[in-house]
Amino acid sequence: MVGTATIAAAANPVNGTPATATTFSTIPYQGQSSSWYAADPATDTASQRVASACNAGAPINGPAWWRYDAAQTSTFVAHAADLKGGIAGYEPTGLAVLSADASTVLACGNETQDITTTGALTVAAGQSRLVVAYSRQATEFYSPTIGLFPSSGVTPSNDEPATATTITSLPFTTTQDTTLATTSGGVGCYSKFGVGPDTWFTWTAERTDLVRFSATADYDVHVGVVPVVNGELGQYSCDEQFTAQAGTTYLISVWATSDDLKQTGTFTLSGAYLPPAPTLSVTVDANGTVNKKTGVVSVAGTVSCSGADSAPYAQGSLSQTVKRVVHTAPMTFTSGFSTCAGSTRWTATATSPGYKFTGGSAQVRVDANACNARGCTPVSVMRTVKLKVV
């Protein structure tokens, strides 16, 4: 759900006080101002209370308020950022969560990351919480954004490299909540969007082989892998397969980019040795046919394929020599190369706009290729076939 507070440029936001807070009742929720405005010091009582609790007593500037009227009991995390024009990325901004009457500041944001976060908070059905985003300094251009997202309320046990979860063997898959993960800063992978919260795993390779760890999530995640040799970290592999060395221990980090409003959530990490390269074989039948009227040639054969990520690619040609002149035409496959799932028949036709094929001998060539993460298996087959006029 996305909520928008309509704000005139260079003016105070319409949700600039608790009394005019933008309301919502379900999470996840994201709310943002619709344009930039001037962030001037706030003097109302609630803002002064936030200034005292969260900003070392200095005034908060340009506060924008939201009110969460919980439709059901929920545990959540709150995020806030300054969305520079909607395109330039999120920058740190102040954040506070208050009681419904604004009399008590329940949590303050933390600017140690690019995005402001609080720990998990719980609200019962029918209760309310106020959320305020603000600039710590007066500024002419300000566009605060907040996000409230469900949380397990539990800090990941593998939040630091020292407490990494041990992966005992591959293949491996796990799903984890990261809403209270923090940033260790040791991921080693570069991102122009910054490095956000991370969680850690450790694994010792059973054999020397190609390996890939990958993650999917309800937020932007990446995977970094680094060998640990004599207590020293080696070179990272980032979002890519790598060659694991038998007996070597690796640190694996699942990390978010920091230039996002939602930097935590739920991810699934998978790790596995890469499968063998695909198997692929192609045969060409000894006999084909040629249409007496049109000169269209029909040929066929078999294809056997396994282990590829997709259907094998194939191309072919047919040639016939008449009076020392070679006439060649590309083949159009009409069946057989649409999947990589065992053995099947393939069929193809060939025709030439400048020559009408006839009965007798012809040369057929088929080139095919099947690929997976480990690599590709190319096959090239040539055979002389006998064409029967039909």
Foldseek 3Di string as FASTA:
>chain_A
DEAEFEQDAQDQTQQQDLVRAAEDADDFYKYKYPFWYWWAFDDDPLQQVCCVVAVVRQTWTRKGKHKHQYQAKAKKKKKKFWCQGVPPFTAEWKKWKAFSVSPGTDWIWDRPFRMTITQIDIDGHRGMMMMMTTHSDTDGTTMMMMTIHGAPRDADQQLDLVRAAEDEDPFDKDKDFHRPRFDPPPLQDDDPLAWTGKGKHKYADQAWAKKDKDKDFPAAKKKKKWWADPNDTDHIDIRAIDTHHHGIMMMMMIIAGRRDRDGTGMMMMTMHGQDDWKDKDWDWDQAWAAEPPALKIKTKTKMAIDDFPFFKDKWKKKWDADPNDIDMWIKDKPDHRHGHDGMDMIMIMTDDPVDRHDWAKMKMKMWIWGGDSVGIDIDIDIDIHTYHYD
